[in-house]
Amino acid sequence: MAKIVLISGSLRRDSVNTAAVATARRLLEQDSHETGTLTVGELPFYHFDVEEADSSAAVREARALVASADAVVISTPSYNGEAPGVLKNALDWLSRPYGRSALSGKTVALLSASPGPRGGADAQPALREVLRRSGAALVEHEPVAIGNAVELRGQDGEFTDPEVLAVLQSLLKATVVAVAAQA
């Protein structure tokens, strides 16, 4: 089975993107996949001097976690039509040092969730470009954007809506297939 690292691009306690990641974790673990979570808020602001000194344990742990995974699934909110800075910061750390990106060749799936009707879809194109430039192997799948996500989230904080579950399962299946194709 595959080892998949899950990343929510949100810091909010009641984030719908964190709910999407939790739902993805449950679906993956039901299929006996191993999961891990990278918390983007634990990483310092990217700083070349810190990178050069290799002085951040959180960054070393994040890079090792992603490097050890078969795939990464990222759920991003949309802030003014873009992914939040904290997620971009995490990807900057993961893509460094130059030539040794933890994302290089890594299978990466992308989704978004939002309280609004468009589901944060406008954040995905630029984030896909950042991932491509970081060397990631993006999963080929129609965009997954969970709109009106607050209303669709269940009492336990995860998604239970059949349509949301179906689209998440489809993306996760495509991710596992992509991992198998790279093996």
N, C-alpha and C. Protein backbone atom coordinates (compact mmCIF):
# COMPACT_ATOMS: atom_id res chain seq x y z
N MET A 1 0.82 -1.18 0.00
CA MET A 1 0.00 0.00 0.00
C MET A 1 0.87 1.25 0.00
N ALA A 2 0.28 2.35 -0.40
CA ALA A 2 1.01 3.61 -0.54
C ALA A 2 1.08 4.37 0.79
N LYS A 3 2.14 5.16 0.93
CA LYS A 3 2.26 6.10 2.04
C LYS A 3 1.98 7.48 1.47
N ILE A 4 0.97 8.16 2.02
CA ILE A 4 0.54 9.44 1.48
C ILE A 4 0.55 10.49 2.57
N VAL A 5 1.24 11.61 2.30
CA VAL A 5 1.29 12.74 3.22
C VAL A 5 0.18 13.71 2.83
N LEU A 6 -0.56 14.15 3.84
CA LEU A 6 -1.68 15.07 3.66
C LEU A 6 -1.31 16.44 4.20
N ILE A 7 -1.64 17.47 3.43
CA ILE A 7 -1.32 18.84 3.82
C ILE A 7 -2.56 19.71 3.65
N SER A 8 -2.95 20.37 4.74
CA SER A 8 -3.97 21.41 4.67
C SER A 8 -3.25 22.74 4.59
N GLY A 9 -3.64 23.57 3.65
CA GLY A 9 -3.03 24.88 3.50
C GLY A 9 -3.62 25.93 4.43
N SER A 10 -4.45 25.50 5.36
CA SER A 10 -5.11 26.44 6.27
C SER A 10 -4.60 26.28 7.69
N LEU A 11 -4.61 27.38 8.41
CA LEU A 11 -4.23 27.38 9.82
C LEU A 11 -5.45 27.41 10.74
N ARG A 12 -6.62 27.66 10.19
CA ARG A 12 -7.84 27.83 10.99
C ARG A 12 -8.21 26.55 11.73
N ARG A 13 -8.66 26.69 12.96
CA ARG A 13 -9.08 25.57 13.79
C ARG A 13 -10.21 24.80 13.12
N ASP A 14 -11.21 25.49 12.58
CA ASP A 14 -12.38 24.85 11.96
C ASP A 14 -12.31 24.89 10.44
N SER A 15 -11.15 24.75 9.90
CA SER A 15 -10.92 24.86 8.46
C SER A 15 -11.62 23.75 7.67
N VAL A 16 -12.27 24.14 6.58
CA VAL A 16 -12.88 23.14 5.71
C VAL A 16 -11.80 22.38 4.92
N ASN A 17 -10.63 22.98 4.73
CA ASN A 17 -9.54 22.27 4.06
C ASN A 17 -8.93 21.22 4.98
N THR A 18 -8.86 21.51 6.26
CA THR A 18 -8.41 20.51 7.22
C THR A 18 -9.45 19.40 7.32
N ALA A 19 -10.72 19.74 7.20
CA ALA A 19 -11.78 18.73 7.17
C ALA A 19 -11.64 17.84 5.93
N ALA A 20 -11.29 18.44 4.80
CA ALA A 20 -11.09 17.67 3.57
C ALA A 20 -9.91 16.70 3.74
N VAL A 21 -8.84 17.17 4.37
CA VAL A 21 -7.67 16.32 4.63
C VAL A 21 -8.03 15.19 5.59
N ALA A 22 -8.80 15.49 6.62
CA ALA A 22 -9.22 14.46 7.58
C ALA A 22 -10.10 13.41 6.89
N THR A 23 -10.97 13.86 6.01
CA THR A 23 -11.82 12.93 5.26
C THR A 23 -10.97 12.08 4.34
N ALA A 24 -10.01 12.70 3.66
CA ALA A 24 -9.11 11.94 2.78
C ALA A 24 -8.32 10.91 3.58
N ARG A 25 -7.86 11.28 4.77
CA ARG A 25 -7.12 10.34 5.62
C ARG A 25 -7.99 9.12 5.93
N ARG A 26 -9.24 9.38 6.33
CA ARG A 26 -10.15 8.28 6.67
C ARG A 26 -10.36 7.36 5.46
N LEU A 27 -10.56 7.94 4.28
CA LEU A 27 -10.78 7.14 3.08
C LEU A 27 -9.54 6.33 2.72
N LEU A 28 -8.37 6.93 2.84
CA LEU A 28 -7.12 6.23 2.52
C LEU A 28 -6.86 5.10 3.51
N GLU A 29 -7.07 5.38 4.79
CA GLU A 29 -6.80 4.36 5.80
C GLU A 29 -7.81 3.21 5.72
N GLN A 30 -9.02 3.48 5.23
CA GLN A 30 -9.99 2.40 5.01
C GLN A 30 -9.48 1.43 3.95
N ASP A 31 -8.67 1.95 3.02
CA ASP A 31 -8.08 1.12 1.98
C ASP A 31 -6.68 0.66 2.34
N SER A 32 -6.33 0.75 3.62
CA SER A 32 -5.05 0.27 4.17
C SER A 32 -3.82 1.05 3.72
N HIS A 33 -4.01 2.29 3.30
CA HIS A 33 -2.86 3.12 2.97
C HIS A 33 -2.35 3.78 4.25
N GLU A 34 -1.06 4.02 4.30
CA GLU A 34 -0.45 4.71 5.43
C GLU A 34 -0.52 6.21 5.16
N THR A 35 -0.84 6.99 6.19
CA THR A 35 -0.91 8.43 6.01
C THR A 35 -0.04 9.15 7.03
N GLY A 36 0.37 10.33 6.67
CA GLY A 36 1.07 11.24 7.55
C GLY A 36 0.54 12.63 7.28
N THR A 37 0.78 13.54 8.20
CA THR A 37 0.29 14.91 8.06
C THR A 37 1.42 15.89 8.24
N LEU A 38 1.49 16.85 7.36
CA LEU A 38 2.43 17.96 7.48
C LEU A 38 1.63 19.20 7.85
N THR A 39 1.97 19.81 8.98
CA THR A 39 1.29 21.01 9.45
C THR A 39 2.10 22.22 9.02
N VAL A 40 1.58 22.98 8.07
CA VAL A 40 2.35 24.07 7.46
C VAL A 40 2.68 25.19 8.44
N GLY A 41 1.86 25.39 9.45
CA GLY A 41 2.10 26.47 10.41
C GLY A 41 3.28 26.24 11.32
N GLU A 42 3.85 25.04 11.31
CA GLU A 42 5.00 24.75 12.17
C GLU A 42 6.33 25.14 11.53
N LEU A 43 6.29 25.50 10.26
CA LEU A 43 7.53 25.85 9.56
C LEU A 43 7.83 27.34 9.69
N PRO A 44 9.10 27.70 9.86
CA PRO A 44 9.43 29.13 9.92
C PRO A 44 9.29 29.75 8.53
N PHE A 45 9.29 31.08 8.50
CA PHE A 45 9.31 31.75 7.20
C PHE A 45 10.57 31.32 6.46
N TYR A 46 10.42 31.11 5.15
CA TYR A 46 11.60 30.71 4.38
C TYR A 46 12.66 31.80 4.49
N HIS A 47 13.89 31.36 4.74
CA HIS A 47 15.01 32.28 4.88
C HIS A 47 16.26 31.52 4.42
N PHE A 48 16.94 32.05 3.43
CA PHE A 48 18.10 31.36 2.86
C PHE A 48 19.18 31.09 3.89
N ASP A 49 19.40 32.03 4.80
CA ASP A 49 20.44 31.82 5.81
C ASP A 49 20.11 30.64 6.71
N VAL A 50 18.83 30.48 7.05
CA VAL A 50 18.40 29.33 7.86
C VAL A 50 18.59 28.05 7.06
N GLU A 51 18.23 28.11 5.79
CA GLU A 51 18.42 26.93 4.92
C GLU A 51 19.89 26.55 4.84
N GLU A 52 20.73 27.53 4.59
CA GLU A 52 22.16 27.29 4.43
C GLU A 52 22.77 26.70 5.70
N ALA A 53 22.30 27.13 6.87
CA ALA A 53 22.81 26.62 8.14
C ALA A 53 22.14 25.31 8.55
N ASP A 54 21.09 24.90 7.79
CA ASP A 54 20.32 23.69 8.11
C ASP A 54 19.91 23.69 9.58
N SER A 55 19.42 24.85 10.03
CA SER A 55 19.18 25.02 11.46
C SER A 55 17.72 24.90 11.89
N SER A 56 16.85 24.41 11.04
CA SER A 56 15.46 24.25 11.44
C SER A 56 15.07 22.78 11.49
N ALA A 57 14.84 22.28 12.70
CA ALA A 57 14.42 20.89 12.85
C ALA A 57 13.07 20.65 12.18
N ALA A 58 12.16 21.62 12.27
CA ALA A 58 10.83 21.47 11.65
C ALA A 58 10.95 21.30 10.14
N VAL A 59 11.86 22.04 9.53
CA VAL A 59 12.06 21.92 8.08
C VAL A 59 12.67 20.56 7.74
N ARG A 60 13.66 20.14 8.49
CA ARG A 60 14.27 18.83 8.23
C ARG A 60 13.24 17.71 8.35
N GLU A 61 12.39 17.79 9.37
CA GLU A 61 11.35 16.78 9.57
C GLU A 61 10.33 16.81 8.43
N ALA A 62 9.94 18.00 7.99
CA ALA A 62 8.98 18.12 6.89
C ALA A 62 9.54 17.53 5.61
N ARG A 63 10.79 17.86 5.31
CA ARG A 63 11.42 17.32 4.10
C ARG A 63 11.52 15.80 4.16
N ALA A 64 11.90 15.28 5.32
CA ALA A 64 12.03 13.82 5.47
C ALA A 64 10.67 13.15 5.33
N LEU A 65 9.64 13.74 5.91
CA LEU A 65 8.29 13.18 5.81
C LEU A 65 7.85 13.09 4.36
N VAL A 66 8.01 14.17 3.62
CA VAL A 66 7.59 14.19 2.22
C VAL A 66 8.48 13.27 1.38
N ALA A 67 9.77 13.29 1.63
CA ALA A 67 10.68 12.43 0.86
C ALA A 67 10.36 10.95 1.06
N SER A 68 9.88 10.58 2.25
CA SER A 68 9.58 9.17 2.53
C SER A 68 8.22 8.72 1.99
N ALA A 69 7.43 9.66 1.53
CA ALA A 69 6.08 9.34 1.06
C ALA A 69 6.08 8.95 -0.41
N ASP A 70 5.05 8.20 -0.78
CA ASP A 70 4.83 7.88 -2.19
C ASP A 70 4.09 9.00 -2.90
N ALA A 71 3.28 9.75 -2.14
CA ALA A 71 2.48 10.82 -2.72
C ALA A 71 2.13 11.85 -1.66
N VAL A 72 1.68 13.00 -2.14
CA VAL A 72 1.24 14.09 -1.29
C VAL A 72 -0.12 14.55 -1.80
N VAL A 73 -1.04 14.79 -0.88
CA VAL A 73 -2.34 15.36 -1.22
C VAL A 73 -2.46 16.69 -0.48
N ILE A 74 -2.70 17.77 -1.23
CA ILE A 74 -2.78 19.11 -0.67
C ILE A 74 -4.19 19.65 -0.86
N SER A 75 -4.75 20.20 0.21
CA SER A 75 -6.03 20.90 0.14
C SER A 75 -5.78 22.36 0.48
N THR A 76 -6.12 23.26 -0.44
CA THR A 76 -5.82 24.67 -0.25
C THR A 76 -7.07 25.54 -0.20
N PRO A 77 -7.06 26.51 0.69
CA PRO A 77 -8.08 27.55 0.60
C PRO A 77 -7.69 28.55 -0.49
N SER A 78 -8.57 29.46 -0.76
CA SER A 78 -8.28 30.55 -1.69
C SER A 78 -8.34 31.85 -0.93
N TYR A 79 -7.21 32.55 -0.90
CA TYR A 79 -7.16 33.87 -0.29
C TYR A 79 -6.90 34.87 -1.42
N ASN A 80 -7.89 35.67 -1.72
CA ASN A 80 -7.79 36.64 -2.82
C ASN A 80 -7.39 35.96 -4.13
N GLY A 81 -7.93 34.77 -4.35
CA GLY A 81 -7.70 34.07 -5.61
C GLY A 81 -6.41 33.28 -5.68
N GLU A 82 -5.70 33.17 -4.59
CA GLU A 82 -4.42 32.45 -4.57
C GLU A 82 -4.36 31.54 -3.34
N ALA A 83 -3.41 30.62 -3.36
CA ALA A 83 -3.14 29.80 -2.17
C ALA A 83 -2.57 30.71 -1.09
N PRO A 84 -2.81 30.39 0.18
CA PRO A 84 -2.29 31.23 1.26
C PRO A 84 -0.76 31.19 1.33
N GLY A 85 -0.20 32.26 1.85
CA GLY A 85 1.25 32.38 1.96
C GLY A 85 1.88 31.28 2.78
N VAL A 86 1.19 30.81 3.82
CA VAL A 86 1.76 29.77 4.67
C VAL A 86 1.95 28.46 3.89
N LEU A 87 1.06 28.17 2.96
CA LEU A 87 1.22 26.98 2.12
C LEU A 87 2.35 27.19 1.11
N LYS A 88 2.41 28.34 0.50
CA LYS A 88 3.50 28.65 -0.43
C LYS A 88 4.84 28.58 0.29
N ASN A 89 4.89 29.07 1.53
CA ASN A 89 6.10 29.00 2.33
C ASN A 89 6.54 27.55 2.54
N ALA A 90 5.59 26.68 2.87
CA ALA A 90 5.92 25.26 3.06
C ALA A 90 6.46 24.65 1.78
N LEU A 91 5.86 24.98 0.66
CA LEU A 91 6.33 24.44 -0.62
C LEU A 91 7.71 25.00 -0.97
N ASP A 92 7.96 26.26 -0.62
CA ASP A 92 9.31 26.81 -0.83
C ASP A 92 10.34 26.01 -0.05
N TRP A 93 10.06 25.70 1.22
CA TRP A 93 10.98 24.89 2.02
C TRP A 93 11.15 23.50 1.42
N LEU A 94 10.05 22.88 1.01
CA LEU A 94 10.14 21.52 0.47
C LEU A 94 10.89 21.47 -0.85
N SER A 95 10.87 22.55 -1.60
CA SER A 95 11.52 22.56 -2.92
C SER A 95 13.01 22.84 -2.84
N ARG A 96 13.52 23.13 -1.66
CA ARG A 96 14.92 23.49 -1.47
C ARG A 96 15.67 22.35 -0.80
N PRO A 97 16.96 22.30 -0.78
CA PRO A 97 17.83 23.18 -1.54
C PRO A 97 17.75 22.86 -3.03
N TYR A 98 18.16 23.81 -3.82
CA TYR A 98 18.10 23.67 -5.27
C TYR A 98 18.73 22.34 -5.69
N GLY A 99 17.99 21.62 -6.53
CA GLY A 99 18.48 20.35 -7.03
C GLY A 99 18.16 19.16 -6.14
N ARG A 100 17.64 19.43 -4.93
CA ARG A 100 17.32 18.34 -4.02
C ARG A 100 15.92 18.50 -3.42
N SER A 101 14.98 18.93 -4.24
CA SER A 101 13.61 19.15 -3.81
C SER A 101 12.98 17.84 -3.32
N ALA A 102 12.36 17.88 -2.15
CA ALA A 102 11.62 16.71 -1.66
C ALA A 102 10.40 16.44 -2.55
N LEU A 103 10.02 17.42 -3.36
CA LEU A 103 8.87 17.28 -4.25
C LEU A 103 9.26 16.76 -5.64
N SER A 104 10.54 16.70 -5.92
CA SER A 104 10.99 16.29 -7.25
C SER A 104 10.55 14.87 -7.56
N GLY A 105 9.73 14.73 -8.59
CA GLY A 105 9.22 13.43 -9.01
C GLY A 105 8.12 12.88 -8.11
N LYS A 106 7.76 13.62 -7.07
CA LYS A 106 6.74 13.16 -6.11
C LYS A 106 5.35 13.32 -6.71
N THR A 107 4.53 12.28 -6.61
CA THR A 107 3.14 12.36 -7.05
C THR A 107 2.40 13.29 -6.10
N VAL A 108 1.74 14.31 -6.66
CA VAL A 108 1.02 15.29 -5.85
C VAL A 108 -0.38 15.51 -6.42
N ALA A 109 -1.37 15.38 -5.55
CA ALA A 109 -2.76 15.67 -5.91
C ALA A 109 -3.18 16.95 -5.21
N LEU A 110 -4.04 17.69 -5.86
CA LEU A 110 -4.45 19.00 -5.37
C LEU A 110 -5.97 19.11 -5.34
N LEU A 111 -6.46 19.68 -4.26
CA LEU A 111 -7.89 20.01 -4.17
C LEU A 111 -8.03 21.28 -3.37
N SER A 112 -9.25 21.80 -3.32
CA SER A 112 -9.51 22.99 -2.53
C SER A 112 -10.92 22.90 -1.96
N ALA A 113 -11.14 23.66 -0.89
CA ALA A 113 -12.45 23.72 -0.27
C ALA A 113 -12.66 25.14 0.24
N SER A 114 -13.92 25.56 0.21
CA SER A 114 -14.22 26.92 0.61
C SER A 114 -15.67 27.04 1.06
N PRO A 115 -15.94 27.98 1.95
CA PRO A 115 -17.34 28.24 2.30
C PRO A 115 -18.12 28.80 1.10
N GLY A 116 -17.43 29.38 0.14
CA GLY A 116 -18.08 29.97 -1.03
C GLY A 116 -18.46 28.92 -2.06
N PRO A 117 -19.27 29.31 -3.03
CA PRO A 117 -19.79 28.35 -4.01
C PRO A 117 -18.75 27.80 -4.98
N ARG A 118 -17.64 28.50 -5.21
CA ARG A 118 -16.64 28.03 -6.19
C ARG A 118 -15.63 27.09 -5.58
N GLY A 119 -15.65 26.93 -4.28
CA GLY A 119 -14.80 25.94 -3.64
C GLY A 119 -13.32 26.24 -3.64
N GLY A 120 -12.94 27.48 -3.86
CA GLY A 120 -11.51 27.82 -3.85
C GLY A 120 -10.77 27.42 -5.12
N ALA A 121 -11.52 27.12 -6.16
CA ALA A 121 -10.90 26.65 -7.41
C ALA A 121 -9.90 27.64 -7.99
N ASP A 122 -10.10 28.93 -7.73
CA ASP A 122 -9.20 29.94 -8.31
C ASP A 122 -7.80 29.89 -7.72
N ALA A 123 -7.60 29.22 -6.61
CA ALA A 123 -6.26 29.09 -6.02
C ALA A 123 -5.45 27.98 -6.67
N GLN A 124 -6.10 27.10 -7.38
CA GLN A 124 -5.40 25.91 -7.89
C GLN A 124 -4.44 26.15 -9.05
N PRO A 125 -4.76 26.97 -10.05
CA PRO A 125 -3.83 27.10 -11.18
C PRO A 125 -2.43 27.59 -10.79
N ALA A 126 -2.35 28.63 -9.97
CA ALA A 126 -1.02 29.13 -9.58
C ALA A 126 -0.30 28.12 -8.70
N LEU A 127 -1.05 27.42 -7.84
CA LEU A 127 -0.43 26.41 -6.99
C LEU A 127 0.09 25.25 -7.83
N ARG A 128 -0.64 24.87 -8.86
CA ARG A 128 -0.17 23.82 -9.77
C ARG A 128 1.15 24.25 -10.41
N GLU A 129 1.26 25.51 -10.76
CA GLU A 129 2.50 26.01 -11.38
C GLU A 129 3.67 25.96 -10.39
N VAL A 130 3.43 26.33 -9.14
CA VAL A 130 4.48 26.25 -8.11
C VAL A 130 4.92 24.80 -7.96
N LEU A 131 3.97 23.89 -7.91
CA LEU A 131 4.30 22.47 -7.76
C LEU A 131 5.07 21.95 -8.97
N ARG A 132 4.64 22.36 -10.15
CA ARG A 132 5.34 21.95 -11.37
C ARG A 132 6.79 22.44 -11.34
N ARG A 133 6.99 23.69 -10.97
CA ARG A 133 8.34 24.26 -10.90
C ARG A 133 9.18 23.58 -9.82
N SER A 134 8.52 23.01 -8.82
CA SER A 134 9.21 22.30 -7.74
C SER A 134 9.54 20.87 -8.11
N GLY A 135 9.13 20.45 -9.31
CA GLY A 135 9.45 19.11 -9.79
C GLY A 135 8.42 18.06 -9.48
N ALA A 136 7.27 18.46 -8.93
CA ALA A 136 6.23 17.49 -8.58
C ALA A 136 5.62 16.88 -9.84
N ALA A 137 5.16 15.64 -9.70
CA ALA A 137 4.42 14.95 -10.76
C ALA A 137 2.94 15.07 -10.40
N LEU A 138 2.27 16.04 -11.00
CA LEU A 138 0.87 16.32 -10.65
C LEU A 138 -0.06 15.23 -11.15
N VAL A 139 -1.01 14.87 -10.30
CA VAL A 139 -2.00 13.86 -10.64
C VAL A 139 -2.95 14.44 -11.69
N GLU A 140 -3.15 13.69 -12.75
CA GLU A 140 -4.09 14.10 -13.79
C GLU A 140 -5.50 13.77 -13.32
N HIS A 141 -6.29 14.80 -13.07
CA HIS A 141 -7.66 14.63 -12.58
C HIS A 141 -8.37 15.96 -12.78
N GLU A 142 -9.65 15.89 -13.03
CA GLU A 142 -10.39 17.15 -13.11
C GLU A 142 -10.28 17.87 -11.77
N PRO A 143 -10.30 19.20 -11.79
CA PRO A 143 -10.15 19.93 -10.53
C PRO A 143 -11.21 19.54 -9.50
N VAL A 144 -10.77 19.36 -8.28
CA VAL A 144 -11.66 19.06 -7.17
C VAL A 144 -11.73 20.31 -6.30
N ALA A 145 -12.91 20.93 -6.27
CA ALA A 145 -13.14 22.14 -5.49
C ALA A 145 -14.46 21.97 -4.75
N ILE A 146 -14.39 21.86 -3.45
CA ILE A 146 -15.58 21.62 -2.63
C ILE A 146 -16.17 22.97 -2.24
N GLY A 147 -17.24 23.34 -2.91
CA GLY A 147 -17.92 24.60 -2.63
C GLY A 147 -18.96 24.44 -1.54
N ASN A 148 -19.32 25.56 -0.90
CA ASN A 148 -20.30 25.56 0.19
C ASN A 148 -19.92 24.51 1.24
N ALA A 149 -18.64 24.42 1.50
CA ALA A 149 -18.10 23.33 2.30
C ALA A 149 -18.54 23.35 3.77
N VAL A 150 -18.82 24.51 4.32
CA VAL A 150 -19.24 24.57 5.72
C VAL A 150 -20.55 23.80 5.89
N GLU A 151 -21.47 23.99 4.96
CA GLU A 151 -22.76 23.32 5.03
C GLU A 151 -22.64 21.81 4.78
N LEU A 152 -21.61 21.39 4.06
CA LEU A 152 -21.46 19.98 3.69
C LEU A 152 -20.68 19.16 4.72
N ARG A 153 -20.04 19.85 5.64
CA ARG A 153 -19.25 19.17 6.66
C ARG A 153 -20.18 18.55 7.70
N GLY A 154 -19.86 17.32 8.12
CA GLY A 154 -20.67 16.63 9.11
C GLY A 154 -20.40 17.09 10.52
N GLN A 155 -21.16 16.54 11.47
CA GLN A 155 -21.02 16.89 12.88
C GLN A 155 -19.63 16.58 13.43
N ASP A 156 -18.99 15.54 12.91
CA ASP A 156 -17.67 15.14 13.40
C ASP A 156 -16.54 15.96 12.78
N GLY A 157 -16.90 16.93 11.92
CA GLY A 157 -15.90 17.79 11.30
C GLY A 157 -15.39 17.28 9.97
N GLU A 158 -15.80 16.08 9.57
CA GLU A 158 -15.40 15.54 8.27
C GLU A 158 -16.58 15.63 7.30
N PHE A 159 -16.28 15.39 6.04
CA PHE A 159 -17.34 15.41 5.03
C PHE A 159 -18.01 14.04 4.96
N THR A 160 -19.32 14.07 4.86
CA THR A 160 -20.10 12.83 4.73
C THR A 160 -21.02 12.89 3.52
N ASP A 161 -21.10 14.05 2.88
CA ASP A 161 -21.94 14.22 1.71
C ASP A 161 -21.51 13.23 0.62
N PRO A 162 -22.42 12.43 0.06
CA PRO A 162 -22.05 11.42 -0.93
C PRO A 162 -21.33 11.97 -2.16
N GLU A 163 -21.70 13.15 -2.62
CA GLU A 163 -21.04 13.73 -3.79
C GLU A 163 -19.60 14.14 -3.46
N VAL A 164 -19.41 14.71 -2.28
CA VAL A 164 -18.06 15.09 -1.86
C VAL A 164 -17.20 13.84 -1.69
N LEU A 165 -17.74 12.84 -1.04
CA LEU A 165 -16.99 11.59 -0.86
C LEU A 165 -16.63 10.96 -2.19
N ALA A 166 -17.55 10.99 -3.14
CA ALA A 166 -17.28 10.39 -4.46
C ALA A 166 -16.15 11.11 -5.18
N VAL A 167 -16.15 12.44 -5.14
CA VAL A 167 -15.10 13.18 -5.84
C VAL A 167 -13.75 13.02 -5.13
N LEU A 168 -13.76 12.97 -3.79
CA LEU A 168 -12.52 12.73 -3.06
C LEU A 168 -11.99 11.32 -3.34
N GLN A 169 -12.87 10.33 -3.33
CA GLN A 169 -12.45 8.96 -3.63
C GLN A 169 -11.87 8.86 -5.04
N SER A 170 -12.46 9.58 -5.99
CA SER A 170 -11.96 9.57 -7.36
C SER A 170 -10.55 10.16 -7.43
N LEU A 171 -10.33 11.28 -6.74
CA LEU A 171 -9.00 11.91 -6.72
C LEU A 171 -7.98 11.01 -6.03
N LEU A 172 -8.37 10.41 -4.92
CA LEU A 172 -7.45 9.52 -4.19
C LEU A 172 -7.12 8.28 -5.01
N LYS A 173 -8.10 7.74 -5.71
CA LYS A 173 -7.85 6.58 -6.57
C LYS A 173 -6.87 6.95 -7.68
N ALA A 174 -7.07 8.13 -8.29
CA ALA A 174 -6.15 8.59 -9.34
C ALA A 174 -4.74 8.78 -8.78
N THR A 175 -4.65 9.20 -7.52
CA THR A 175 -3.35 9.38 -6.88
C THR A 175 -2.65 8.05 -6.69
N VAL A 176 -3.37 7.06 -6.19
CA VAL A 176 -2.79 5.73 -5.98
C VAL A 176 -2.40 5.10 -7.32
N VAL A 177 -3.21 5.29 -8.34
CA VAL A 177 -2.89 4.78 -9.68
C VAL A 177 -1.61 5.44 -10.20
N ALA A 178 -1.48 6.75 -9.99
CA ALA A 178 -0.28 7.47 -10.43
C ALA A 178 0.97 6.97 -9.70
N VAL A 179 0.82 6.68 -8.41
CA VAL A 179 1.94 6.13 -7.64
C VAL A 179 2.36 4.78 -8.23
N ALA A 180 1.39 3.92 -8.50
CA ALA A 180 1.68 2.60 -9.04
C ALA A 180 2.33 2.71 -10.41
N ALA A 181 1.93 3.67 -11.20
CA ALA A 181 2.51 3.86 -12.54
C ALA A 181 3.97 4.30 -12.46
N GLN A 182 4.34 5.01 -11.39
CA GLN A 182 5.72 5.47 -11.23
C GLN A 182 6.62 4.38 -10.69
N ALA A 183 6.03 3.34 -10.08
CA ALA A 183 6.83 2.30 -9.43
C ALA A 183 7.54 1.41 -10.44
